[in-house]
Amino acid sequence: MNNTFVQKLTRNAKFQKAVKEPKTIVHFCMPHETAIRHTPALATFLKVLPSMSNLKVLDLDGCLIGDNGVKLLVDCLNESKLRLEILNLSQNDLDCDGFNYLSEMFHSRAKLKVLHLYHNPINMEGNKNIGAFLRAVSSSETIEKIDFQHSYILENDANLDVVEDIILFCPSLSLCEIEFGPSPDIAVHRCRKAHKSRMANVHILQSFEFFRRTFYDVFPPEVWLNIARYTFASQRLGKKYLDYCFANKHKDLTEFSREVKEIKLSFLQ
């Protein structure tokens, strides 16, 4: 087995400090893109983790630990006395099993305030099976921020009601990050329409990734960004602008972009 990642981890200054003085570590960030799945590096790290008794922030962004890695991590955290407040598992190749393993954290002593799950795209079949995770999050009394961007949780309509529960009934929630798209828009619209007072205290951040991915090869960046902004402001306005763009996309892009600047304000009237 290749030990490159183990060597990279053990040479890391923060990791060396964690081994020598574990109680002094409050924020631990694994070297970005250190893929520790299927290597001894994860086992090495998990042996040290419980001794970081004052750890509040654990950042494993881009480590590709996968579903099995999440299970080992959650088991380790639940068996330890750690009280993590911020956990970043963005870009870790998680699928529905990994998300559901995370639900066990919300049934334990964990008092997570921030959970980053950015860019862990779940397959459509998996989307049907993450109810346990979503229900666990919705029951949390401490979660303040959760990032679902590019996990495609909301591509499955069955998850809409539970995500609405997260937005509406997590008492400490102040920020929920999701992507643009038909299903996320439905969930946000429902919440804003039915619970205006609650939504005044919760910020929903929807990324432009859906529009970038859909229109990047069709229109110049200025145009697809406008499509995103107008759609976010009003579905009707977005559709009107999008219809105009498709009707004129055969034009020279430079000319089209100039014309869009000239007519842009008329769409806002």
C-alpha atoms as a PDB file:
ATOM      1  CA  MET A   1       0.000   0.000   0.000  1.00  0.00           C
ATOM      2  CA  ASN A   2       1.241   3.496  -0.924  1.00  0.00           C
ATOM      3  CA  ASN A   3       2.208   5.423   2.212  1.00  0.00           C
ATOM      4  CA  THR A   4       2.617   8.818   0.502  1.00  0.00           C
ATOM      5  CA  PHE A   5      -0.451  10.243   2.192  1.00  0.00           C
ATOM      6  CA  VAL A   6       0.592   8.950   5.609  1.00  0.00           C
ATOM      7  CA  GLN A   7       3.971  10.599   5.181  1.00  0.00           C
ATOM      8  CA  LYS A   8       2.344  13.845   4.057  1.00  0.00           C
ATOM      9  CA  LEU A   9       0.055  13.803   7.060  1.00  0.00           C
ATOM     10  CA  THR A  10       2.704  12.966   9.623  1.00  0.00           C
ATOM     11  CA  ARG A  11       5.026  15.689   8.242  1.00  0.00           C
ATOM     12  CA  ASN A  12       2.261  18.276   8.603  1.00  0.00           C
ATOM     13  CA  ALA A  13       3.237  20.782  11.332  1.00  0.00           C
ATOM     14  CA  LYS A  14      -0.263  20.942  12.793  1.00  0.00           C
ATOM     15  CA  PHE A  15      -0.489  17.169  12.963  1.00  0.00           C
ATOM     16  CA  GLN A  16       2.898  16.956  14.681  1.00  0.00           C
ATOM     17  CA  LYS A  17       1.696  19.491  17.227  1.00  0.00           C
ATOM     18  CA  ALA A  18      -1.521  17.498  17.681  1.00  0.00           C
ATOM     19  CA  VAL A  19       0.503  14.378  18.475  1.00  0.00           C
ATOM     20  CA  LYS A  20       2.800  16.186  20.925  1.00  0.00           C
ATOM     21  CA  GLU A  21       0.292  18.607  22.477  1.00  0.00           C
ATOM     22  CA  PRO A  22      -3.198  17.362  21.564  1.00  0.00           C
ATOM     23  CA  LYS A  23      -5.021  19.409  24.208  1.00  0.00           C
ATOM     24  CA  THR A  24      -3.786  22.662  22.666  1.00  0.00           C
ATOM     25  CA  ILE A  25      -5.526  22.065  19.328  1.00  0.00           C
ATOM     26  CA  VAL A  26      -8.803  23.958  18.874  1.00  0.00           C
ATOM     27  CA  HIS A  27      -8.953  24.048  15.066  1.00  0.00           C
ATOM     28  CA  PHE A  28      -7.560  21.181  12.962  1.00  0.00           C
ATOM     29  CA  CYS A  29      -7.475  21.392   9.170  1.00  0.00           C
ATOM     30  CA  MET A  30      -6.290  18.385   7.197  1.00  0.00           C
ATOM     31  CA  PRO A  31      -4.007  19.356   4.281  1.00  0.00           C
ATOM     32  CA  HIS A  32      -6.431  20.090   1.443  1.00  0.00           C
ATOM     33  CA  GLU A  33      -6.873  17.308  -1.127  1.00  0.00           C
ATOM     34  CA  THR A  34      -4.985  14.851   1.047  1.00  0.00           C
ATOM     35  CA  ALA A  35      -6.942  11.802  -0.064  1.00  0.00           C
ATOM     36  CA  ILE A  36      -6.922   9.597   3.026  1.00  0.00           C
ATOM     37  CA  ARG A  37      -9.492   7.044   1.973  1.00  0.00           C
ATOM     38  CA  HIS A  38      -8.120   3.485   1.719  1.00  0.00           C
ATOM     39  CA  THR A  39      -4.841   4.520   3.348  1.00  0.00           C
ATOM     40  CA  PRO A  40      -3.462   4.156   6.878  1.00  0.00           C
ATOM     41  CA  ALA A  41      -3.614   7.957   7.173  1.00  0.00           C
ATOM     42  CA  LEU A  42      -7.236   7.962   8.352  1.00  0.00           C
ATOM     43  CA  ALA A  43      -6.527   5.320  10.997  1.00  0.00           C
ATOM     44  CA  THR A  44      -3.463   7.297  12.084  1.00  0.00           C
ATOM     45  CA  PHE A  45      -5.508  10.467  12.396  1.00  0.00           C
ATOM     46  CA  LEU A  46      -8.396   8.809  14.259  1.00  0.00           C
ATOM     47  CA  LYS A  47      -6.003   7.454  16.873  1.00  0.00           C
ATOM     48  CA  VAL A  48      -4.924  10.998  17.700  1.00  0.00           C
ATOM     49  CA  LEU A  49      -8.322  12.700  17.340  1.00  0.00           C
ATOM     50  CA  PRO A  50      -9.883  11.697  20.718  1.00  0.00           C
ATOM     51  CA  SER A  51      -6.930  13.198  22.599  1.00  0.00           C
ATOM     52  CA  MET A  52      -7.668  16.655  21.132  1.00  0.00           C
ATOM     53  CA  SER A  53     -10.001  17.334  24.033  1.00  0.00           C
ATOM     54  CA  ASN A  54     -10.457  21.049  23.250  1.00  0.00           C
ATOM     55  CA  LEU A  55     -11.064  20.613  19.526  1.00  0.00           C
ATOM     56  CA  LYS A  56     -13.944  22.761  18.237  1.00  0.00           C
ATOM     57  CA  VAL A  57     -13.314  22.880  14.475  1.00  0.00           C
ATOM     58  CA  LEU A  58     -12.508  19.871  12.275  1.00  0.00           C
ATOM     59  CA  ASP A  59     -11.900  20.642   8.601  1.00  0.00           C
ATOM     60  CA  LEU A  60     -11.567  17.642   6.270  1.00  0.00           C
ATOM     61  CA  ASP A  61     -12.464  19.505   3.073  1.00  0.00           C
ATOM     62  CA  GLY A  62     -11.356  17.572  -0.015  1.00  0.00           C
ATOM     63  CA  CYS A  63      -9.997  14.525   1.831  1.00  0.00           C
ATOM     64  CA  LEU A  64     -12.213  12.009  -0.008  1.00  0.00           C
ATOM     65  CA  ILE A  65     -12.834   9.879   3.067  1.00  0.00           C
ATOM     66  CA  GLY A  66     -15.989   8.416   1.511  1.00  0.00           C
ATOM     67  CA  ASP A  67     -18.911   6.730   3.259  1.00  0.00           C
ATOM     68  CA  ASN A  68     -16.777   4.227   5.178  1.00  0.00           C
ATOM     69  CA  GLY A  69     -14.489   6.994   6.352  1.00  0.00           C
ATOM     70  CA  VAL A  70     -17.457   8.972   7.677  1.00  0.00           C
ATOM     71  CA  LYS A  71     -18.654   5.933   9.601  1.00  0.00           C
ATOM     72  CA  LEU A  72     -15.239   5.540  11.251  1.00  0.00           C
ATOM     73  CA  LEU A  73     -15.119   9.267  11.995  1.00  0.00           C
ATOM     74  CA  VAL A  74     -18.621   9.368  13.518  1.00  0.00           C
ATOM     75  CA  ASP A  75     -17.913   6.272  15.640  1.00  0.00           C
ATOM     76  CA  CYS A  76     -14.706   7.904  16.868  1.00  0.00           C
ATOM     77  CA  LEU A  77     -16.445  11.188  17.715  1.00  0.00           C
ATOM     78  CA  ASN A  78     -19.342   9.475  19.487  1.00  0.00           C
ATOM     79  CA  GLU A  79     -17.005   7.345  21.602  1.00  0.00           C
ATOM     80  CA  SER A  80     -14.843  10.326  22.552  1.00  0.00           C
ATOM     81  CA  LYS A  81     -15.620  13.300  24.771  1.00  0.00           C
ATOM     82  CA  LEU A  82     -15.114  15.800  21.973  1.00  0.00           C
ATOM     83  CA  ARG A  83     -17.631  18.611  21.554  1.00  0.00           C
ATOM     84  CA  LEU A  84     -17.155  19.685  17.938  1.00  0.00           C
ATOM     85  CA  GLU A  85     -18.905  22.874  16.910  1.00  0.00           C
ATOM     86  CA  ILE A  86     -17.856  23.044  13.250  1.00  0.00           C
ATOM     87  CA  LEU A  87     -17.398  20.053  10.924  1.00  0.00           C
ATOM     88  CA  ASN A  88     -16.394  20.482   7.293  1.00  0.00           C
ATOM     89  CA  LEU A  89     -16.894  17.384   5.128  1.00  0.00           C
ATOM     90  CA  SER A  90     -17.088  19.183   1.795  1.00  0.00           C
ATOM     91  CA  GLN A  91     -15.839  17.315  -1.283  1.00  0.00           C
ATOM     92  CA  ASN A  92     -15.514  13.952   0.433  1.00  0.00           C
ATOM     93  CA  ASP A  93     -17.281  11.723  -2.079  1.00  0.00           C
ATOM     94  CA  LEU A  94     -20.188  10.984   0.269  1.00  0.00           C
ATOM     95  CA  ASP A  95     -23.329   9.220  -0.871  1.00  0.00           C
ATOM     96  CA  CYS A  96     -26.528   8.370   0.994  1.00  0.00           C
ATOM     97  CA  ASP A  97     -24.808   5.962   3.403  1.00  0.00           C
ATOM     98  CA  GLY A  98     -22.321   8.627   4.445  1.00  0.00           C
ATOM     99  CA  PHE A  99     -25.100  11.155   5.042  1.00  0.00           C
ATOM    100  CA  ASN A 100     -27.068   8.676   7.128  1.00  0.00           C
ATOM    101  CA  TYR A 101     -23.996   7.788   9.218  1.00  0.00           C
ATOM    102  CA  LEU A 102     -23.820  11.494  10.050  1.00  0.00           C
ATOM    103  CA  SER A 103     -27.332  11.327  11.500  1.00  0.00           C
ATOM    104  CA  GLU A 104     -25.894   9.359  14.421  1.00  0.00           C
ATOM    105  CA  MET A 105     -23.996  12.489  15.471  1.00  0.00           C
ATOM    106  CA  PHE A 106     -27.256  14.318  16.108  1.00  0.00           C
ATOM    107  CA  HIS A 107     -28.481  11.533  18.391  1.00  0.00           C
ATOM    108  CA  SER A 108     -25.320  11.641  20.487  1.00  0.00           C
ATOM    109  CA  ARG A 109     -23.763  14.299  22.700  1.00  0.00           C
ATOM    110  CA  ALA A 110     -22.646  16.297  19.678  1.00  0.00           C
ATOM    111  CA  LYS A 111     -23.568  19.978  19.682  1.00  0.00           C
ATOM    112  CA  LEU A 112     -22.696  20.887  16.115  1.00  0.00           C
ATOM    113  CA  LYS A 113     -23.293  24.487  15.122  1.00  0.00           C
ATOM    114  CA  VAL A 114     -21.965  24.392  11.551  1.00  0.00           C
ATOM    115  CA  LEU A 115     -21.970  21.487   9.082  1.00  0.00           C
ATOM    116  CA  HIS A 116     -20.449  21.853   5.604  1.00  0.00           C
ATOM    117  CA  LEU A 117     -21.461  19.189   3.065  1.00  0.00           C
ATOM    118  CA  TYR A 118     -20.672  21.141  -0.098  1.00  0.00           C
ATOM    119  CA  HIS A 119     -20.143  19.132  -3.285  1.00  0.00           C
ATOM    120  CA  ASN A 120     -20.994  15.607  -2.188  1.00  0.00           C
ATOM    121  CA  PRO A 121     -23.293  14.764  -5.108  1.00  0.00           C
ATOM    122  CA  ILE A 122     -25.712  12.014  -4.151  1.00  0.00           C
ATOM    123  CA  ASN A 123     -27.015   9.806  -6.932  1.00  0.00           C
ATOM    124  CA  MET A 124     -30.755   9.968  -7.592  1.00  0.00           C
ATOM    125  CA  GLU A 125     -31.372   6.554  -6.023  1.00  0.00           C
ATOM    126  CA  GLY A 126     -29.483   7.644  -2.937  1.00  0.00           C
ATOM    127  CA  ASN A 127     -31.615  10.777  -2.753  1.00  0.00           C
ATOM    128  CA  LYS A 128     -34.550   8.591  -1.733  1.00  0.00           C
ATOM    129  CA  ASN A 129     -32.727   7.142   1.251  1.00  0.00           C
ATOM    130  CA  ILE A 130     -31.353  10.062   3.238  1.00  0.00           C
ATOM    131  CA  GLY A 131     -34.491  10.760   5.236  1.00  0.00           C
ATOM    132  CA  ALA A 132     -32.807   9.650   8.475  1.00  0.00           C
ATOM    133  CA  PHE A 133     -30.090  12.271   8.065  1.00  0.00           C
ATOM    134  CA  LEU A 134     -32.499  15.089   7.179  1.00  0.00           C
ATOM    135  CA  ARG A 135     -34.818  14.261  10.082  1.00  0.00           C
ATOM    136  CA  ALA A 136     -31.860  14.164  12.460  1.00  0.00           C
ATOM    137  CA  VAL A 137     -30.743  17.629  11.326  1.00  0.00           C
ATOM    138  CA  SER A 138     -34.273  19.009  11.647  1.00  0.00           C
ATOM    139  CA  SER A 139     -34.324  17.876  15.303  1.00  0.00           C
ATOM    140  CA  SER A 140     -31.082  19.704  16.136  1.00  0.00           C
ATOM    141  CA  GLU A 141     -31.347  22.534  18.644  1.00  0.00           C
ATOM    142  CA  THR A 142     -27.807  23.807  18.022  1.00  0.00           C
ATOM    143  CA  ILE A 143     -27.228  23.838  14.244  1.00  0.00           C
ATOM    144  CA  GLU A 144     -26.724  27.419  13.020  1.00  0.00           C
ATOM    145  CA  LYS A 145     -25.437  26.892   9.517  1.00  0.00           C
ATOM    146  CA  ILE A 146     -25.686  23.994   7.081  1.00  0.00           C
ATOM    147  CA  ASP A 147     -24.335  23.853   3.537  1.00  0.00           C
ATOM    148  CA  PHE A 148     -26.078  21.458   1.128  1.00  0.00           C
ATOM    149  CA  GLN A 149     -24.749  23.066  -2.066  1.00  0.00           C
ATOM    150  CA  HIS A 150     -24.179  20.639  -4.937  1.00  0.00           C
ATOM    151  CA  SER A 151     -25.257  17.604  -2.955  1.00  0.00           C
ATOM    152  CA  TYR A 152     -28.465  17.534  -5.038  1.00  0.00           C
ATOM    153  CA  ILE A 153     -30.514  16.542  -1.999  1.00  0.00           C
ATOM    154  CA  LEU A 154     -33.374  18.670  -3.277  1.00  0.00           C
ATOM    155  CA  GLU A 155     -33.422  17.081  -6.718  1.00  0.00           C
ATOM    156  CA  ASN A 156     -35.742  14.523  -5.138  1.00  0.00           C
ATOM    157  CA  ASP A 157     -39.151  15.987  -4.286  1.00  0.00           C
ATOM    158  CA  ALA A 158     -39.552  13.506  -1.419  1.00  0.00           C
ATOM    159  CA  ASN A 159     -36.903  15.447   0.506  1.00  0.00           C
ATOM    160  CA  LEU A 160     -38.555  18.846   0.132  1.00  0.00           C
ATOM    161  CA  ASP A 161     -40.786  18.628   3.208  1.00  0.00           C
ATOM    162  CA  VAL A 162     -37.925  17.545   5.466  1.00  0.00           C
ATOM    163  CA  VAL A 163     -35.610  20.279   4.197  1.00  0.00           C
ATOM    164  CA  GLU A 164     -38.405  22.766   4.848  1.00  0.00           C
ATOM    165  CA  ASP A 165     -38.554  21.423   8.403  1.00  0.00           C
ATOM    166  CA  ILE A 166     -34.823  22.059   8.767  1.00  0.00           C
ATOM    167  CA  ILE A 167     -35.244  25.640   7.583  1.00  0.00           C
ATOM    168  CA  LEU A 168     -38.306  26.324   9.701  1.00  0.00           C
ATOM    169  CA  PHE A 169     -37.892  24.376  12.923  1.00  0.00           C
ATOM    170  CA  CYS A 170     -34.185  24.314  13.786  1.00  0.00           C
ATOM    171  CA  PRO A 171     -34.354  27.065  16.426  1.00  0.00           C
ATOM    172  CA  SER A 172     -30.734  28.212  16.026  1.00  0.00           C
ATOM    173  CA  LEU A 173     -30.515  28.028  12.218  1.00  0.00           C
ATOM    174  CA  SER A 174     -29.531  31.321  10.596  1.00  0.00           C
ATOM    175  CA  LEU A 175     -28.006  30.220   7.261  1.00  0.00           C
ATOM    176  CA  CYS A 176     -28.880  27.378   4.890  1.00  0.00           C
ATOM    177  CA  GLU A 177     -26.933  27.070   1.627  1.00  0.00           C
ATOM    178  CA  ILE A 178     -28.518  25.230  -1.299  1.00  0.00           C
ATOM    179  CA  GLU A 179     -28.212  25.408  -5.075  1.00  0.00           C
ATOM    180  CA  PHE A 180     -30.520  27.035  -7.603  1.00  0.00           C
ATOM    181  CA  GLY A 181     -32.928  24.736  -9.391  1.00  0.00           C
ATOM    182  CA  PRO A 182     -36.639  23.959  -9.700  1.00  0.00           C
ATOM    183  CA  SER A 183     -36.946  21.834  -6.548  1.00  0.00           C
ATOM    184  CA  PRO A 184     -34.864  24.086  -4.241  1.00  0.00           C
ATOM    185  CA  ASP A 185     -36.849  27.082  -5.480  1.00  0.00           C
ATOM    186  CA  ILE A 186     -40.089  25.326  -4.550  1.00  0.00           C
ATOM    187  CA  ALA A 187     -38.856  24.621  -1.020  1.00  0.00           C
ATOM    188  CA  VAL A 188     -37.657  28.196  -0.493  1.00  0.00           C
ATOM    189  CA  HIS A 189     -40.836  29.684  -1.964  1.00  0.00           C
ATOM    190  CA  ARG A 190     -43.028  27.549   0.298  1.00  0.00           C
ATOM    191  CA  CYS A 191     -41.094  28.603   3.373  1.00  0.00           C
ATOM    192  CA  ARG A 192     -41.132  32.284   2.504  1.00  0.00           C
ATOM    193  CA  LYS A 193     -44.824  32.248   1.722  1.00  0.00           C
ATOM    194  CA  ALA A 194     -46.031  30.276   4.737  1.00  0.00           C
ATOM    195  CA  HIS A 195     -43.611  31.422   7.451  1.00  0.00           C
ATOM    196  CA  LYS A 196     -42.671  35.045   6.837  1.00  0.00           C
ATOM    197  CA  SER A 197     -41.706  35.805  10.444  1.00  0.00           C
ATOM    198  CA  ARG A 198     -39.413  32.774  10.705  1.00  0.00           C
ATOM    199  CA  MET A 199     -37.823  33.442   7.317  1.00  0.00           C
ATOM    200  CA  ALA A 200     -36.900  36.953   8.446  1.00  0.00           C
ATOM    201  CA  ASN A 201     -34.290  35.283  10.681  1.00  0.00           C
ATOM    202  CA  VAL A 202     -33.021  32.610   8.257  1.00  0.00           C
ATOM    203  CA  HIS A 203     -30.869  33.479   5.262  1.00  0.00           C
ATOM    204  CA  ILE A 204     -31.154  31.099   2.313  1.00  0.00           C
ATOM    205  CA  LEU A 205     -28.107  31.304   0.066  1.00  0.00           C
ATOM    206  CA  GLN A 206     -28.596  29.749  -3.369  1.00  0.00           C
ATOM    207  CA  SER A 207     -25.500  29.366  -5.519  1.00  0.00           C
ATOM    208  CA  PHE A 208     -25.231  30.218  -9.213  1.00  0.00           C
ATOM    209  CA  GLU A 209     -23.752  26.787 -10.001  1.00  0.00           C
ATOM    210  CA  PHE A 210     -27.002  25.448 -11.490  1.00  0.00           C
ATOM    211  CA  PHE A 211     -27.103  28.326 -13.998  1.00  0.00           C
ATOM    212  CA  ARG A 212     -23.384  28.240 -14.694  1.00  0.00           C
ATOM    213  CA  ARG A 213     -23.559  24.518 -15.435  1.00  0.00           C
ATOM    214  CA  THR A 214     -26.675  24.900 -17.608  1.00  0.00           C
ATOM    215  CA  PHE A 215     -25.887  28.039 -19.590  1.00  0.00           C
ATOM    216  CA  TYR A 216     -22.091  28.366 -19.537  1.00  0.00           C
ATOM    217  CA  ASP A 217     -21.619  27.035 -23.083  1.00  0.00           C
ATOM    218  CA  VAL A 218     -24.674  28.859 -24.434  1.00  0.00           C
ATOM    219  CA  PHE A 219     -24.243  32.447 -23.231  1.00  0.00           C
ATOM    220  CA  PRO A 220     -21.441  34.768 -22.078  1.00  0.00           C
ATOM    221  CA  PRO A 221     -20.923  34.867 -18.282  1.00  0.00           C
ATOM    222  CA  GLU A 222     -22.648  38.248 -17.976  1.00  0.00           C
ATOM    223  CA  VAL A 223     -25.785  36.784 -19.510  1.00  0.00           C
ATOM    224  CA  TRP A 224     -26.074  33.585 -17.472  1.00  0.00           C
ATOM    225  CA  LEU A 225     -25.356  35.529 -14.287  1.00  0.00           C
ATOM    226  CA  ASN A 226     -28.222  37.873 -15.179  1.00  0.00           C
ATOM    227  CA  ILE A 227     -30.462  34.866 -15.814  1.00  0.00           C
ATOM    228  CA  ALA A 228     -29.600  33.589 -12.340  1.00  0.00           C
ATOM    229  CA  ARG A 229     -30.123  36.955 -10.644  1.00  0.00           C
ATOM    230  CA  TYR A 230     -33.434  37.662 -12.352  1.00  0.00           C
ATOM    231  CA  THR A 231     -34.755  34.170 -11.668  1.00  0.00           C
ATOM    232  CA  PHE A 232     -33.783  34.507  -8.014  1.00  0.00           C
ATOM    233  CA  ALA A 233     -35.692  37.811  -7.847  1.00  0.00           C
ATOM    234  CA  SER A 234     -38.726  36.533  -9.738  1.00  0.00           C
ATOM    235  CA  GLN A 235     -39.496  33.338 -11.622  1.00  0.00           C
ATOM    236  CA  ARG A 236     -41.601  35.328 -14.099  1.00  0.00           C
ATOM    237  CA  LEU A 237     -38.850  37.887 -14.697  1.00  0.00           C
ATOM    238  CA  GLY A 238     -36.257  35.137 -15.107  1.00  0.00           C
ATOM    239  CA  LYS A 239     -38.377  33.296 -17.672  1.00  0.00           C
ATOM    240  CA  LYS A 240     -38.988  36.496 -19.640  1.00  0.00           C
ATOM    241  CA  TYR A 241     -35.287  37.263 -19.748  1.00  0.00           C
ATOM    242  CA  LEU A 242     -34.382  33.660 -20.588  1.00  0.00           C
ATOM    243  CA  ASP A 243     -36.872  33.595 -23.485  1.00  0.00           C
ATOM    244  CA  TYR A 244     -35.277  36.757 -24.868  1.00  0.00           C
ATOM    245  CA  CYS A 245     -31.786  35.265 -24.560  1.00  0.00           C
ATOM    246  CA  PHE A 246     -32.673  32.062 -26.386  1.00  0.00           C
ATOM    247  CA  ALA A 247     -34.474  34.010 -29.119  1.00  0.00           C
ATOM    248  CA  ASN A 248     -31.314  36.028 -29.746  1.00  0.00           C
ATOM    249  CA  LYS A 249     -28.529  33.534 -29.073  1.00  0.00           C
ATOM    250  CA  HIS A 250     -27.743  33.170 -32.782  1.00  0.00           C
ATOM    251  CA  LYS A 251     -26.334  36.712 -32.775  1.00  0.00           C
ATOM    252  CA  ASP A 252     -22.655  37.468 -32.487  1.00  0.00           C
ATOM    253  CA  LEU A 253     -21.835  37.108 -28.767  1.00  0.00           C
ATOM    254  CA  THR A 254     -20.143  40.502 -28.587  1.00  0.00           C
ATOM    255  CA  GLU A 255     -23.126  42.210 -30.188  1.00  0.00           C
ATOM    256  CA  PHE A 256     -25.546  40.181 -28.091  1.00  0.00           C
ATOM    257  CA  SER A 257     -23.759  41.045 -24.867  1.00  0.00           C
ATOM    258  CA  ARG A 258     -23.819  44.744 -25.764  1.00  0.00           C
ATOM    259  CA  GLU A 259     -27.519  44.569 -26.599  1.00  0.00           C
ATOM    260  CA  VAL A 260     -28.244  42.791 -23.315  1.00  0.00           C
ATOM    261  CA  LYS A 261     -26.613  45.676 -21.413  1.00  0.00           C
ATOM    262  CA  GLU A 262     -28.866  48.133 -23.234  1.00  0.00           C
ATOM    263  CA  ILE A 263     -32.141  46.283 -22.637  1.00  0.00           C
ATOM    264  CA  LYS A 264     -31.299  44.941 -19.151  1.00  0.00           C
ATOM    265  CA  LEU A 265     -33.006  47.734 -17.264  1.00  0.00           C
ATOM    266  CA  SER A 266     -36.252  47.297 -19.176  1.00  0.00           C
ATOM    267  CA  PHE A 267     -36.659  43.827 -17.649  1.00  0.00           C
ATOM    268  CA  LEU A 268     -36.551  45.322 -14.175  1.00  0.00           C
ATOM    269  CA  GLN A 269     -39.396  47.777 -14.809  1.00  0.00           C
END
